[in-house]
Amino acid sequence: MRSYTVRPRESALENILAYIQENHLDPGDRLPAEREMCEMWQMNRSTLRSALSKLVQAGLLEVRHGSGIFLAPPKYMRMLQGLTSFTTDAMLQNSINDSRLISLEHLECDKRLGKLLDLTLGTPVWNLVRLRHLNGRVLMIDSSYFSAVRFPNIDRFDFETDSLYRVFEKEYGVIPTRGDELIASTGASEEEAKLLEIGTGAPIFRIESKTCDQDGNMLEYTRSIARPDRVVLRSTLKRFPAEEGVEEDGHDRQ
């Protein structure tokens, strides 16, 4: 019979997680110093640091240099079936959000944007780029593209405090109603890493979204770059009935 030996790092992980549970730590609570934890569990510092690093990468812990190691705030949950603004999502999750405006500028529609937004080549479009924060932590970069002809003078609004979807609906009478998203996991560029406060090449979510309005017209194309250690992507699964003439195992009924 094969015996199983628990690796030192796995043992350290179990000890840390048990400590959090047994002491009822809440987000923002501080863990003991590394030296104290090493003494508590009779392990060397390199093993402990390896376990702590894994939990930091998973988003459970965060290191505040000069202050210590803390239980991280809950992750932001992005519902893939939802079509709500970041501001609304944060409020529903009882979180404090804010946005920093990176840029809002006019562009001429190129071939790729024209296809995505169903616009002719050269049509002026807005490009709105914002850095999102949740509970004081950098979360993601949102870059939105939409028609400048359809939404003239939209630069009069303050998008550090206002919601783009609110402006669409209340100021222009345009309501986002449906869309689709494509999600990939890649590495951060140097510029993205600097904004997201991570290392160049660190894993990120790349989310591309296309949204239509109440009349079925293409409304907005968005590229989001999100930190996977602070964002959870959630989807609701639905079982569709088998197609007529086909059994659920995929075989034709003859």
Protein backbone atom coordinates (compact mmCIF):
# COMPACT_ATOMS: atom_id res chain seq x y z
CA MET A 1 0.00 0.00 0.00
CA ARG A 2 1.45 3.35 -1.09
CA SER A 3 1.92 5.88 1.71
CA TYR A 4 1.24 9.55 1.22
CA THR A 5 3.50 12.23 2.69
CA VAL A 6 2.23 15.78 3.04
CA ARG A 7 4.67 18.22 1.47
CA PRO A 8 5.93 21.02 3.73
CA ARG A 9 4.28 23.78 1.68
CA GLU A 10 0.93 21.96 1.66
CA SER A 11 1.20 21.55 5.44
CA ALA A 12 1.93 25.27 5.77
CA LEU A 13 -1.10 26.10 3.60
CA GLU A 14 -3.34 23.96 5.80
CA ASN A 15 -2.00 25.60 8.97
CA ILE A 16 -2.58 29.12 7.62
CA LEU A 17 -6.12 28.37 6.43
CA ALA A 18 -6.96 26.65 9.72
CA TYR A 19 -5.63 29.64 11.65
CA ILE A 20 -7.85 32.01 9.64
CA GLN A 21 -10.91 29.85 10.27
CA GLU A 22 -10.27 29.11 13.93
CA ASN A 23 -9.61 32.77 14.76
CA HIS A 24 -12.60 34.01 12.72
CA LEU A 25 -10.50 36.50 10.79
CA ASP A 26 -12.36 39.01 8.63
CA PRO A 27 -11.11 40.85 5.53
CA GLY A 28 -8.58 43.44 6.65
CA ASP A 29 -7.49 41.48 9.74
CA ARG A 30 -3.75 41.00 10.19
CA LEU A 31 -2.02 37.64 10.39
CA PRO A 32 0.84 37.06 12.85
CA ALA A 33 4.36 38.02 11.80
CA GLU A 34 6.31 35.46 9.77
CA ARG A 35 8.63 34.67 12.68
CA GLU A 36 5.68 34.00 14.95
CA MET A 37 4.01 31.70 12.43
CA CYS A 38 7.24 29.77 11.92
CA GLU A 39 7.50 29.23 15.68
CA MET A 40 3.82 28.26 15.96
CA TRP A 41 4.09 25.52 13.35
CA GLN A 42 7.77 24.59 13.63
CA MET A 43 8.66 25.31 10.00
CA ASN A 44 11.38 27.24 8.21
CA ARG A 45 10.74 30.67 6.74
CA SER A 46 11.22 29.65 3.09
CA THR A 47 8.43 27.04 3.38
CA LEU A 48 6.11 29.55 5.05
CA ARG A 49 6.85 32.22 2.44
CA SER A 50 6.14 29.75 -0.37
CA ALA A 51 2.70 29.01 1.12
CA LEU A 52 1.97 32.69 1.75
CA SER A 53 2.96 33.54 -1.83
CA LYS A 54 0.49 30.98 -3.18
CA LEU A 55 -2.33 32.45 -1.07
CA VAL A 56 -1.42 35.98 -2.19
CA GLN A 57 -1.55 34.88 -5.83
CA ALA A 58 -4.95 33.30 -5.20
CA GLY A 59 -6.22 36.61 -3.82
CA LEU A 60 -6.89 35.33 -0.30
CA LEU A 61 -4.07 37.31 1.35
CA GLU A 62 -2.38 40.61 0.60
CA VAL A 63 1.01 41.94 1.69
CA ARG A 64 1.22 45.56 2.79
CA HIS A 65 4.89 46.43 2.85
CA GLY A 66 5.92 47.76 6.22
CA SER A 67 2.61 46.69 7.80
CA GLY A 68 2.33 42.93 7.45
CA ILE A 69 0.12 40.25 5.91
CA PHE A 70 -3.64 40.72 5.88
CA LEU A 71 -6.73 38.78 4.90
CA ALA A 72 -7.74 40.30 1.55
CA PRO A 73 -11.15 41.83 0.85
CA PRO A 74 -13.62 39.68 -1.12
CA LYS A 75 -13.09 39.48 -4.87
CA TYR A 76 -15.25 41.44 -7.28
CA MET A 77 -17.82 39.10 -8.84
CA ARG A 78 -18.55 39.75 -12.50
CA MET A 79 -21.75 38.04 -13.64
CA LEU A 80 -21.31 36.98 -17.23
CA GLN A 81 -25.07 36.96 -17.84
CA GLY A 82 -25.56 40.43 -16.38
CA LEU A 83 -25.62 43.71 -18.27
CA THR A 84 -25.14 46.21 -15.48
CA SER A 85 -22.58 48.92 -14.93
CA PHE A 86 -19.51 48.47 -12.76
CA THR A 87 -20.97 51.05 -10.35
CA THR A 88 -24.20 49.06 -9.97
CA ASP A 89 -22.37 45.74 -9.56
CA ALA A 90 -20.19 47.20 -6.81
CA MET A 91 -23.19 48.60 -4.96
CA LEU A 92 -24.97 45.24 -5.13
CA GLN A 93 -21.89 43.62 -3.62
CA ASN A 94 -21.75 46.21 -0.81
CA SER A 95 -18.38 47.43 -2.04
CA ILE A 96 -16.91 50.90 -2.44
CA ASN A 97 -15.93 51.65 -6.01
CA ASP A 98 -14.22 54.50 -7.78
CA SER A 99 -12.82 55.13 -11.24
CA ARG A 100 -9.85 57.12 -12.48
CA LEU A 101 -10.23 58.63 -15.92
CA ILE A 102 -7.25 57.71 -18.09
CA SER A 103 -8.52 59.32 -21.29
CA LEU A 104 -11.60 60.31 -23.30
CA GLU A 105 -10.75 61.09 -26.89
CA HIS A 106 -12.04 61.18 -30.45
CA LEU A 107 -10.83 58.54 -32.88
CA GLU A 108 -11.58 57.83 -36.52
CA CYS A 109 -13.18 54.44 -37.02
CA ASP A 110 -10.72 52.01 -38.62
CA LYS A 111 -11.62 48.80 -40.40
CA ARG A 112 -11.65 46.66 -37.24
CA LEU A 113 -13.71 49.10 -35.16
CA GLY A 114 -16.06 49.62 -38.08
CA LYS A 115 -16.80 45.90 -38.18
CA LEU A 116 -17.24 45.67 -34.42
CA LEU A 117 -19.50 48.73 -34.12
CA ASP A 118 -21.21 48.43 -37.51
CA LEU A 119 -19.93 51.86 -38.58
CA THR A 120 -18.42 53.10 -41.82
CA LEU A 121 -14.71 53.74 -42.14
CA GLY A 122 -13.71 57.17 -40.79
CA THR A 123 -16.79 57.65 -38.60
CA PRO A 124 -15.77 59.49 -35.39
CA VAL A 125 -15.92 57.35 -32.25
CA TRP A 126 -15.29 58.00 -28.59
CA ASN A 127 -12.69 56.00 -26.70
CA LEU A 128 -13.24 56.13 -22.94
CA VAL A 129 -10.53 54.52 -20.78
CA ARG A 130 -10.93 54.17 -17.02
CA LEU A 131 -8.97 52.47 -14.23
CA ARG A 132 -11.38 50.74 -11.84
CA HIS A 133 -10.87 50.42 -8.09
CA LEU A 134 -12.84 48.38 -5.57
CA ASN A 135 -12.47 48.94 -1.83
CA GLY A 136 -9.37 51.00 -2.54
CA ARG A 137 -7.62 48.32 -4.62
CA VAL A 138 -6.83 48.41 -8.34
CA LEU A 139 -9.13 46.00 -10.14
CA MET A 140 -9.20 46.43 -13.92
CA ILE A 141 -8.85 48.72 -16.94
CA ASP A 142 -11.96 49.37 -19.05
CA SER A 143 -11.62 50.78 -22.57
CA SER A 144 -14.96 51.56 -24.27
CA TYR A 145 -15.62 52.52 -27.89
CA PHE A 146 -18.91 54.02 -29.15
CA SER A 147 -20.19 56.38 -31.83
CA ALA A 148 -19.39 60.07 -31.39
CA VAL A 149 -22.11 60.95 -33.93
CA ARG A 150 -24.76 59.19 -31.86
CA PHE A 151 -23.46 60.58 -28.56
CA PRO A 152 -22.29 64.16 -29.23
CA ASN A 153 -20.77 66.23 -26.41
CA ILE A 154 -20.55 63.25 -24.09
CA ASP A 155 -17.28 64.66 -22.82
CA ARG A 156 -19.29 67.13 -20.70
CA PHE A 157 -19.93 64.33 -18.18
CA ASP A 158 -17.54 63.34 -15.40
CA PHE A 159 -16.87 59.65 -15.90
CA GLU A 160 -14.82 59.38 -12.74
CA THR A 161 -18.10 59.66 -10.82
CA ASP A 162 -20.80 58.95 -13.42
CA SER A 163 -21.81 55.68 -15.06
CA LEU A 164 -21.60 55.40 -18.86
CA TYR A 165 -24.74 53.25 -18.92
CA ARG A 166 -26.60 55.87 -16.88
CA VAL A 167 -25.57 58.57 -19.35
CA PHE A 168 -26.59 56.42 -22.31
CA GLU A 169 -30.05 55.83 -20.85
CA LYS A 170 -30.93 59.05 -19.03
CA GLU A 171 -29.23 61.59 -21.29
CA TYR A 172 -29.59 59.99 -24.74
CA GLY A 173 -32.50 57.55 -24.35
CA VAL A 174 -30.38 54.54 -25.35
CA ILE A 175 -30.67 51.39 -23.22
CA PRO A 176 -28.12 48.55 -23.31
CA THR A 177 -30.16 45.35 -23.55
CA ARG A 178 -28.00 42.43 -24.69
CA GLY A 179 -24.46 41.55 -25.63
CA ASP A 180 -21.79 38.89 -25.79
CA GLU A 181 -18.33 38.48 -24.30
CA LEU A 182 -15.11 36.71 -25.17
CA ILE A 183 -12.72 35.94 -22.30
CA ALA A 184 -9.09 34.88 -22.52
CA SER A 185 -6.24 34.55 -20.04
CA THR A 186 -2.96 36.12 -21.15
CA GLY A 187 0.00 38.06 -19.76
CA ALA A 188 0.03 41.77 -18.96
CA SER A 189 1.96 44.19 -21.15
CA GLU A 190 4.37 46.62 -19.51
CA GLU A 191 1.84 49.47 -19.67
CA GLU A 192 -1.04 47.31 -18.38
CA ALA A 193 1.12 45.93 -15.57
CA LYS A 194 2.05 49.42 -14.42
CA LEU A 195 -1.61 50.51 -14.19
CA LEU A 196 -2.72 47.28 -12.50
CA GLU A 197 0.25 47.28 -10.09
CA ILE A 198 1.46 43.82 -11.12
CA GLY A 199 4.55 42.47 -12.83
CA THR A 200 4.97 42.54 -16.60
CA GLY A 201 3.74 39.23 -18.00
CA ALA A 202 1.61 38.47 -14.91
CA PRO A 203 -1.63 36.59 -15.70
CA ILE A 204 -4.67 38.73 -16.52
CA PHE A 205 -8.18 38.30 -17.89
CA ARG A 206 -8.79 39.92 -21.29
CA ILE A 207 -12.52 40.47 -21.74
CA GLU A 208 -13.97 41.73 -25.02
CA SER A 209 -17.64 42.75 -24.99
CA LYS A 210 -20.10 43.90 -27.64
CA THR A 211 -23.38 45.45 -26.51
CA CYS A 212 -26.59 46.21 -28.42
CA ASP A 213 -29.37 48.69 -27.57
CA GLN A 214 -33.14 48.24 -27.22
CA ASP A 215 -33.55 48.36 -31.01
CA GLY A 216 -30.90 45.76 -31.69
CA ASN A 217 -28.35 48.28 -32.95
CA MET A 218 -24.69 47.92 -32.03
CA LEU A 219 -23.99 50.27 -29.14
CA GLU A 220 -20.58 49.71 -27.58
CA TYR A 221 -17.42 47.67 -27.85
CA THR A 222 -15.37 47.28 -24.66
CA ARG A 223 -11.97 45.77 -23.83
CA SER A 224 -11.41 45.04 -20.15
CA ILE A 225 -8.12 43.97 -18.56
CA ALA A 226 -8.73 42.47 -15.11
CA ARG A 227 -6.62 41.06 -12.28
CA PRO A 228 -7.64 37.41 -11.76
CA ASP A 229 -6.53 37.57 -8.12
CA ARG A 230 -9.23 40.17 -7.49
CA VAL A 231 -11.96 39.26 -9.98
CA VAL A 232 -14.24 36.22 -10.12
CA LEU A 233 -16.11 35.43 -13.33
CA ARG A 234 -19.44 33.79 -12.57
CA SER A 235 -21.85 32.18 -15.01
CA THR A 236 -25.27 30.60 -14.56
CA LEU A 237 -25.59 27.32 -16.44
CA LYS A 238 -28.82 26.37 -18.15
CA ARG A 239 -29.72 23.00 -19.59
CA PHE A 240 -31.30 23.28 -23.00
CA PRO A 241 -33.78 20.65 -24.16
CA ALA A 242 -32.45 18.15 -26.68
CA GLU A 243 -33.01 19.07 -30.28
CA GLU A 244 -35.92 17.41 -31.94
CA GLY A 245 -34.91 14.04 -33.31
CA VAL A 246 -31.72 13.84 -31.27
CA GLU A 247 -31.31 12.01 -27.97
CA GLU A 248 -29.37 13.70 -25.16
CA ASP A 249 -26.45 11.32 -25.77
CA GLY A 250 -26.16 12.75 -29.26
CA HIS A 251 -27.63 9.76 -31.17
CA ASP A 252 -30.37 10.22 -33.75
CA ARG A 253 -33.76 8.74 -32.99
CA GLN A 254 -34.76 6.69 -36.03
